[in-house]
PDB file of N, CA and C in Angstrom:
ATOM      1  N   MET A   1       0.958  -1.019   0.086  1.00  0.00           N
ATOM      2  CA  MET A   1       0.119   0.017   0.063  1.00  0.00           C
ATOM      3  C   MET A   1       0.944   1.271  -0.274  1.00  0.00           C
ATOM      4  N   ILE A   2       0.557   2.138  -0.816  1.00  0.00           N
ATOM      5  CA  ILE A   2       1.449   3.475  -0.977  1.00  0.00           C
ATOM      6  C   ILE A   2       0.834   4.152   0.039  1.00  0.00           C
ATOM      7  N   LYS A   3       1.348   5.198   0.611  1.00  0.00           N
ATOM      8  CA  LYS A   3       0.632   6.048   1.593  1.00  0.00           C
ATOM      9  C   LYS A   3       1.410   7.562   1.112  1.00  0.00           C
ATOM     10  N   VAL A   4       0.747   8.059   1.230  1.00  0.00           N
ATOM     11  CA  VAL A   4       1.286   9.844   0.416  1.00  0.00           C
ATOM     12  C   VAL A   4       1.004  10.709   1.718  1.00  0.00           C
ATOM     13  N   TYR A   5       2.272  11.367   2.245  1.00  0.00           N
ATOM     14  CA  TYR A   5       2.116  12.439   3.089  1.00  0.00           C
ATOM     15  C   TYR A   5       3.065  13.663   2.545  1.00  0.00           C
ATOM     16  N   ARG A   6       2.766  14.761   3.562  1.00  0.00           N
ATOM     17  CA  ARG A   6       3.525  15.873   3.074  1.00  0.00           C
ATOM     18  C   ARG A   6       4.162  16.453   4.619  1.00  0.00           C
ATOM     19  N   LYS A   7       5.525  16.380   4.663  1.00  0.00           N
ATOM     20  CA  LYS A   7       6.128  16.691   5.515  1.00  0.00           C
ATOM     21  C   LYS A   7       5.880  18.715   5.524  1.00  0.00           C
ATOM     22  N   THR A   8       5.843  18.546   7.187  1.00  0.00           N
ATOM     23  CA  THR A   8       5.548  19.978   7.459  1.00  0.00           C
ATOM     24  C   THR A   8       6.511  20.940   8.026  1.00  0.00           C
ATOM     25  N   GLU A   9       7.944  20.490   8.413  1.00  0.00           N
ATOM     26  CA  GLU A   9       8.963  21.156   8.818  1.00  0.00           C
ATOM     27  C   GLU A   9       9.173  22.340   8.103  1.00  0.00           C
ATOM     28  N   THR A  10       9.614  23.447   8.621  1.00  0.00           N
ATOM     29  CA  THR A  10       9.902  24.494   8.062  1.00  0.00           C
ATOM     30  C   THR A  10      11.555  24.663   7.418  1.00  0.00           C
ATOM     31  N   ILE A  11      11.868  24.573   6.177  1.00  0.00           N
ATOM     32  CA  ILE A  11      13.126  25.148   5.707  1.00  0.00           C
ATOM     33  C   ILE A  11      13.480  26.554   5.279  1.00  0.00           C
ATOM     34  N   LYS A  12      14.795  26.991   5.324  1.00  0.00           N
ATOM     35  CA  LYS A  12      14.824  28.269   4.446  1.00  0.00           C
ATOM     36  C   LYS A  12      15.413  27.609   3.368  1.00  0.00           C
ATOM     37  N   ALA A  13      15.297  28.499   2.499  1.00  0.00           N
ATOM     38  CA  ALA A  13      15.604  28.380   0.682  1.00  0.00           C
ATOM     39  C   ALA A  13      16.029  29.462   0.108  1.00  0.00           C
ATOM     40  N   GLU A  14      16.943  29.743  -0.608  1.00  0.00           N
ATOM     41  CA  GLU A  14      17.178  30.741  -1.508  1.00  0.00           C
ATOM     42  C   GLU A  14      17.965  30.141  -2.691  1.00  0.00           C
ATOM     43  N   GLN A  15      17.401  30.920  -3.875  1.00  0.00           N
ATOM     44  CA  GLN A  15      17.639  30.709  -5.160  1.00  0.00           C
ATOM     45  C   GLN A  15      19.206  31.163  -5.349  1.00  0.00           C
ATOM     46  N   PHE A  16      19.775  30.616  -6.049  1.00  0.00           N
ATOM     47  CA  PHE A  16      21.528  30.190  -6.377  1.00  0.00           C
ATOM     48  C   PHE A  16      21.298  31.207  -7.621  1.00  0.00           C
ATOM     49  N   ASP A  17      22.184  32.559  -7.245  1.00  0.00           N
ATOM     50  CA  ASP A  17      22.291  33.375  -8.474  1.00  0.00           C
ATOM     51  C   ASP A  17      24.102  33.377  -9.045  1.00  0.00           C
ATOM     52  N   GLY A  18      24.735  32.413  -8.695  1.00  0.00           N
ATOM     53  CA  GLY A  18      26.231  32.315  -8.884  1.00  0.00           C
ATOM     54  C   GLY A  18      26.741  33.111  -8.531  1.00  0.00           C
ATOM     55  N   SER A  19      26.601  33.905  -7.572  1.00  0.00           N
ATOM     56  CA  SER A  19      27.398  34.943  -7.028  1.00  0.00           C
ATOM     57  C   SER A  19      28.640  34.571  -5.887  1.00  0.00           C
ATOM     58  N   ASN A  20      29.564  34.883  -5.971  1.00  0.00           N
ATOM     59  CA  ASN A  20      30.623  35.102  -5.165  1.00  0.00           C
ATOM     60  C   ASN A  20      30.220  34.816  -3.684  1.00  0.00           C
ATOM     61  N   GLU A  21      29.668  35.724  -3.066  1.00  0.00           N
ATOM     62  CA  GLU A  21      28.859  35.547  -2.215  1.00  0.00           C
ATOM     63  C   GLU A  21      28.412  34.574  -1.509  1.00  0.00           C
ATOM     64  N   MET A  22      27.266  34.041  -2.318  1.00  0.00           N
ATOM     65  CA  MET A  22      26.392  32.641  -2.205  1.00  0.00           C
ATOM     66  C   MET A  22      27.489  31.424  -2.459  1.00  0.00           C
ATOM     67  N   ILE A  23      28.482  31.419  -3.122  1.00  0.00           N
ATOM     68  CA  ILE A  23      29.426  30.374  -3.251  1.00  0.00           C
ATOM     69  C   ILE A  23      30.503  30.116  -1.888  1.00  0.00           C
ATOM     70  N   GLU A  24      30.695  31.327  -1.412  1.00  0.00           N
ATOM     71  CA  GLU A  24      31.560  31.188   0.065  1.00  0.00           C
ATOM     72  C   GLU A  24      30.338  30.789   1.331  1.00  0.00           C
ATOM     73  N   ARG A  25      28.941  31.491   1.001  1.00  0.00           N
ATOM     74  CA  ARG A  25      28.422  31.022   2.008  1.00  0.00           C
ATOM     75  C   ARG A  25      28.218  29.566   2.287  1.00  0.00           C
ATOM     76  N   TYR A  26      27.879  28.724   0.993  1.00  0.00           N
ATOM     77  CA  TYR A  26      27.641  27.460   1.315  1.00  0.00           C
ATOM     78  C   TYR A  26      28.902  26.702   0.990  1.00  0.00           C
ATOM     79  N   ASP A  27      30.247  27.438   0.591  1.00  0.00           N
ATOM     80  CA  ASP A  27      31.279  26.764   0.809  1.00  0.00           C
ATOM     81  C   ASP A  27      31.291  25.551  -0.770  1.00  0.00           C
ATOM     82  N   MET A  28      30.915  26.148  -1.718  1.00  0.00           N
ATOM     83  CA  MET A  28      31.044  25.452  -2.746  1.00  0.00           C
ATOM     84  C   MET A  28      31.995  25.365  -3.626  1.00  0.00           C
ATOM     85  N   GLY A  29      32.304  24.607  -4.371  1.00  0.00           N
ATOM     86  CA  GLY A  29      33.654  24.552  -5.319  1.00  0.00           C
ATOM     87  C   GLY A  29      33.084  24.140  -6.743  1.00  0.00           C
ATOM     88  N   PHE A  30      33.533  24.051  -7.586  1.00  0.00           N
ATOM     89  CA  PHE A  30      33.318  24.114  -9.233  1.00  0.00           C
ATOM     90  C   PHE A  30      33.703  22.628  -9.305  1.00  0.00           C
ATOM     91  N   GLN A  31      32.683  22.084 -10.698  1.00  0.00           N
ATOM     92  CA  GLN A  31      33.231  20.684 -11.313  1.00  0.00           C
ATOM     93  C   GLN A  31      32.700  21.161 -12.744  1.00  0.00           C
ATOM     94  N   LEU A  32      34.093  20.664 -13.318  1.00  0.00           N
ATOM     95  CA  LEU A  32      33.784  20.713 -15.062  1.00  0.00           C
ATOM     96  C   LEU A  32      33.678  19.572 -15.605  1.00  0.00           C
ATOM     97  N   ALA A  33      32.158  19.385 -16.205  1.00  0.00           N
ATOM     98  CA  ALA A  33      31.615  18.248 -16.959  1.00  0.00           C
ATOM     99  C   ALA A  33      32.583  17.854 -17.934  1.00  0.00           C
ATOM    100  N   PRO A  34      32.365  16.690 -18.414  1.00  0.00           N
ATOM    101  CA  PRO A  34      33.696  16.357 -20.105  1.00  0.00           C
ATOM    102  C   PRO A  34      32.612  17.119 -21.164  1.00  0.00           C
ATOM    103  N   ASN A  35      31.315  17.476 -21.211  1.00  0.00           N
ATOM    104  CA  ASN A  35      31.022  18.105 -22.152  1.00  0.00           C
ATOM    105  C   ASN A  35      31.406  19.667 -22.211  1.00  0.00           C
ATOM    106  N   GLY A  36      32.255  19.983 -21.595  1.00  0.00           N
ATOM    107  CA  GLY A  36      32.779  21.585 -21.284  1.00  0.00           C
ATOM    108  C   GLY A  36      31.852  22.279 -20.214  1.00  0.00           C
ATOM    109  N   LYS A  37      30.594  21.702 -20.051  1.00  0.00           N
ATOM    110  CA  LYS A  37      29.675  22.469 -19.089  1.00  0.00           C
ATOM    111  C   LYS A  37      30.141  22.294 -17.796  1.00  0.00           C
ATOM    112  N   GLY A  38      29.680  23.292 -16.667  1.00  0.00           N
ATOM    113  CA  GLY A  38      30.359  22.741 -15.197  1.00  0.00           C
ATOM    114  C   GLY A  38      28.891  23.493 -14.470  1.00  0.00           C
ATOM    115  N   GLY A  39      29.463  23.320 -13.313  1.00  0.00           N
ATOM    116  CA  GLY A  39      28.501  24.378 -12.039  1.00  0.00           C
ATOM    117  C   GLY A  39      29.272  24.240 -10.982  1.00  0.00           C
ATOM    118  N   ALA A  40      29.045  24.802 -10.255  1.00  0.00           N
ATOM    119  CA  ALA A  40      28.768  25.046  -8.851  1.00  0.00           C
ATOM    120  C   ALA A  40      28.498  23.666  -7.946  1.00  0.00           C
ATOM    121  N   ILE A  41      29.031  23.053  -6.885  1.00  0.00           N
ATOM    122  CA  ILE A  41      29.026  21.721  -6.108  1.00  0.00           C
ATOM    123  C   ILE A  41      28.938  22.280  -4.794  1.00  0.00           C
ATOM    124  N   ILE A  42      27.788  21.453  -4.361  1.00  0.00           N
ATOM    125  CA  ILE A  42      27.305  22.109  -2.826  1.00  0.00           C
ATOM    126  C   ILE A  42      27.233  20.310  -2.169  1.00  0.00           C
ATOM    127  N   LYS A  43      28.071  20.222  -1.356  1.00  0.00           N
ATOM    128  CA  LYS A  43      28.092  19.312   0.080  1.00  0.00           C
ATOM    129  C   LYS A  43      26.759  19.111   0.745  1.00  0.00           C
ATOM    130  N   THR A  44      26.082  17.558   0.360  1.00  0.00           N
ATOM    131  CA  THR A  44      24.868  17.487   0.846  1.00  0.00           C
ATOM    132  C   THR A  44      25.010  16.068   1.517  1.00  0.00           C
ATOM    133  N   LEU A  45      24.206  15.837   2.387  1.00  0.00           N
ATOM    134  CA  LEU A  45      24.354  14.543   3.135  1.00  0.00           C
ATOM    135  C   LEU A  45      24.486  13.163   2.685  1.00  0.00           C
ATOM    136  N   GLU A  46      24.184  13.305   1.179  1.00  0.00           N
ATOM    137  CA  GLU A  46      23.894  12.045   0.258  1.00  0.00           C
ATOM    138  C   GLU A  46      25.400  12.523  -0.763  1.00  0.00           C
ATOM    139  N   GLY A  47      26.281  13.481  -0.542  1.00  0.00           N
ATOM    140  CA  GLY A  47      27.070  13.607  -1.507  1.00  0.00           C
ATOM    141  C   GLY A  47      27.495  14.930  -1.901  1.00  0.00           C
ATOM    142  N   ASP A  48      28.462  14.994  -3.178  1.00  0.00           N
ATOM    143  CA  ASP A  48      28.334  16.412  -3.550  1.00  0.00           C
ATOM    144  C   ASP A  48      27.219  16.628  -4.801  1.00  0.00           C
ATOM    145  N   LEU A  49      26.587  17.510  -4.978  1.00  0.00           N
ATOM    146  CA  LEU A  49      25.807  17.851  -5.838  1.00  0.00           C
ATOM    147  C   LEU A  49      25.920  19.196  -6.551  1.00  0.00           C
ATOM    148  N   LEU A  50      25.764  18.781  -7.823  1.00  0.00           N
ATOM    149  CA  LEU A  50      25.641  20.011  -8.674  1.00  0.00           C
ATOM    150  C   LEU A  50      24.670  20.949  -8.819  1.00  0.00           C
ATOM    151  N   VAL A  51      24.953  22.197  -8.413  1.00  0.00           N
ATOM    152  CA  VAL A  51      23.726  23.175  -8.440  1.00  0.00           C
ATOM    153  C   VAL A  51      23.852  24.036  -9.570  1.00  0.00           C
ATOM    154  N   HIS A  52      22.817  24.319 -10.416  1.00  0.00           N
ATOM    155  CA  HIS A  52      22.957  24.922 -11.526  1.00  0.00           C
ATOM    156  C   HIS A  52      21.867  26.762 -11.066  1.00  0.00           C
ATOM    157  N   VAL A  53      22.698  27.843 -11.931  1.00  0.00           N
ATOM    158  CA  VAL A  53      21.514  29.266 -11.458  1.00  0.00           C
ATOM    159  C   VAL A  53      20.605  28.759 -11.752  1.00  0.00           C
ATOM    160  N   GLY A  54      19.795  29.048 -10.777  1.00  0.00           N
ATOM    161  CA  GLY A  54      18.544  29.257 -10.665  1.00  0.00           C
ATOM    162  C   GLY A  54      17.797  28.243  -9.458  1.00  0.00           C
ATOM    163  N   ASP A  55      18.658  27.265  -9.574  1.00  0.00           N
ATOM    164  CA  ASP A  55      18.115  26.296  -8.503  1.00  0.00           C
ATOM    165  C   ASP A  55      18.120  26.777  -7.107  1.00  0.00           C
ATOM    166  N   TRP A  56      17.375  26.123  -6.247  1.00  0.00           N
ATOM    167  CA  TRP A  56      16.979  26.686  -5.311  1.00  0.00           C
ATOM    168  C   TRP A  56      18.246  25.910  -4.030  1.00  0.00           C
ATOM    169  N   ILE A  57      19.004  26.333  -3.200  1.00  0.00           N
ATOM    170  CA  ILE A  57      19.398  25.804  -1.924  1.00  0.00           C
ATOM    171  C   ILE A  57      18.586  25.652  -0.819  1.00  0.00           C
ATOM    172  N   ALA A  58      18.092  24.461  -0.171  1.00  0.00           N
ATOM    173  CA  ALA A  58      17.490  24.711   1.157  1.00  0.00           C
ATOM    174  C   ALA A  58      18.627  24.047   2.173  1.00  0.00           C
ATOM    175  N   THR A  59      18.336  24.841   3.395  1.00  0.00           N
ATOM    176  CA  THR A  59      18.987  24.654   4.401  1.00  0.00           C
ATOM    177  C   THR A  59      17.509  23.614   5.461  1.00  0.00           C
ATOM    178  N   GLY A  60      18.134  22.837   6.095  1.00  0.00           N
ATOM    179  CA  GLY A  60      16.920  21.957   6.882  1.00  0.00           C
ATOM    180  C   GLY A  60      17.608  22.782   8.082  1.00  0.00           C
ATOM    181  N   VAL A  61      16.511  21.755   9.203  1.00  0.00           N
ATOM    182  CA  VAL A  61      16.530  22.610  10.729  1.00  0.00           C
ATOM    183  C   VAL A  61      17.951  22.238  11.447  1.00  0.00           C
ATOM    184  N   ASN A  62      18.625  20.922  10.977  1.00  0.00           N
ATOM    185  CA  ASN A  62      20.454  20.541  11.509  1.00  0.00           C
ATOM    186  C   ASN A  62      21.242  21.442  10.755  1.00  0.00           C
ATOM    187  N   GLY A  63      20.941  22.163   9.748  1.00  0.00           N
ATOM    188  CA  GLY A  63      22.161  22.911   9.195  1.00  0.00           C
ATOM    189  C   GLY A  63      22.395  22.232   7.398  1.00  0.00           C
ATOM    190  N   GLU A  64      21.820  21.318   7.559  1.00  0.00           N
ATOM    191  CA  GLU A  64      22.209  20.504   6.002  1.00  0.00           C
ATOM    192  C   GLU A  64      21.596  21.126   4.828  1.00  0.00           C
ATOM    193  N   HIS A  65      22.302  20.930   3.941  1.00  0.00           N
ATOM    194  CA  HIS A  65      21.973  21.688   2.405  1.00  0.00           C
ATOM    195  C   HIS A  65      21.514  20.962   1.434  1.00  0.00           C
ATOM    196  N   TRP A  66      20.266  21.145   0.669  1.00  0.00           N
ATOM    197  CA  TRP A  66      20.422  20.348  -0.579  1.00  0.00           C
ATOM    198  C   TRP A  66      19.826  21.129  -1.447  1.00  0.00           C
ATOM    199  N   SER A  67      19.739  20.689  -2.964  1.00  0.00           N
ATOM    200  CA  SER A  67      19.980  21.602  -4.144  1.00  0.00           C
ATOM    201  C   SER A  67      18.230  21.152  -4.773  1.00  0.00           C
ATOM    202  N   ILE A  68      17.244  22.057  -5.020  1.00  0.00           N
ATOM    203  CA  ILE A  68      16.066  21.664  -5.387  1.00  0.00           C
ATOM    204  C   ILE A  68      15.809  22.803  -7.064  1.00  0.00           C
ATOM    205  N   ALA A  69      15.675  21.991  -7.896  1.00  0.00           N
ATOM    206  CA  ALA A  69      15.644  22.651  -9.355  1.00  0.00           C
ATOM    207  C   ALA A  69      14.303  23.381  -9.084  1.00  0.00           C
ATOM    208  N   ASP A  70      14.449  24.851  -9.940  1.00  0.00           N
ATOM    209  CA  ASP A  70      13.399  25.580  -9.665  1.00  0.00           C
ATOM    210  C   ASP A  70      11.879  25.362  -9.963  1.00  0.00           C
ATOM    211  N   ASP A  71      11.717  24.647 -11.153  1.00  0.00           N
ATOM    212  CA  ASP A  71      10.968  23.676 -11.600  1.00  0.00           C
ATOM    213  C   ASP A  71       9.726  22.871 -10.160  1.00  0.00           C
ATOM    214  N   VAL A  72      10.649  22.152  -9.654  1.00  0.00           N
ATOM    215  CA  VAL A  72      10.557  21.503  -8.321  1.00  0.00           C
ATOM    216  C   VAL A  72       9.989  22.241  -7.025  1.00  0.00           C
ATOM    217  N   PHE A  73      10.823  22.945  -7.104  1.00  0.00           N
ATOM    218  CA  PHE A  73      10.685  24.076  -5.914  1.00  0.00           C
ATOM    219  C   PHE A  73       9.151  24.845  -6.006  1.00  0.00           C
ATOM    220  N   LYS A  74       9.090  25.350  -7.105  1.00  0.00           N
ATOM    221  CA  LYS A  74       7.744  25.934  -7.619  1.00  0.00           C
ATOM    222  C   LYS A  74       6.172  25.126  -7.274  1.00  0.00           C
ATOM    223  N   LYS A  75       6.741  23.827  -8.166  1.00  0.00           N
ATOM    224  CA  LYS A  75       5.247  23.090  -7.676  1.00  0.00           C
ATOM    225  C   LYS A  75       4.967  22.686  -6.296  1.00  0.00           C
ATOM    226  N   THR A  76       5.827  22.510  -5.622  1.00  0.00           N
ATOM    227  CA  THR A  76       5.943  21.901  -3.997  1.00  0.00           C
ATOM    228  C   THR A  76       6.012  23.083  -3.162  1.00  0.00           C
ATOM    229  N   ASN A  77       6.220  24.488  -3.429  1.00  0.00           N
ATOM    230  CA  ASN A  77       6.459  25.471  -2.260  1.00  0.00           C
ATOM    231  C   ASN A  77       5.701  26.657  -2.524  1.00  0.00           C
ATOM    232  N   ASP A  78       5.027  26.621  -3.603  1.00  0.00           N
ATOM    233  CA  ASP A  78       4.375  28.113  -4.122  1.00  0.00           C
ATOM    234  C   ASP A  78       2.697  27.736  -3.234  1.00  0.00           C
TER     235      ASP A  78
END
């Protein structure tokens, strides 16, 4: 049986703009992909994750971070 529920805990989130200020705030690095495109890397509980400009960086109640694509964020948080 599938159960569907929505968590109600509060998170902080801000949209990544690629600025040096945000890169420093979240201690991000950079990665260059084989196709020549790259992006900022944020450390998450599951490992390093690529973050694109326009994605949202969420911070949980324990200070953990994760990235949410803009379209997904808007569907679940508006």
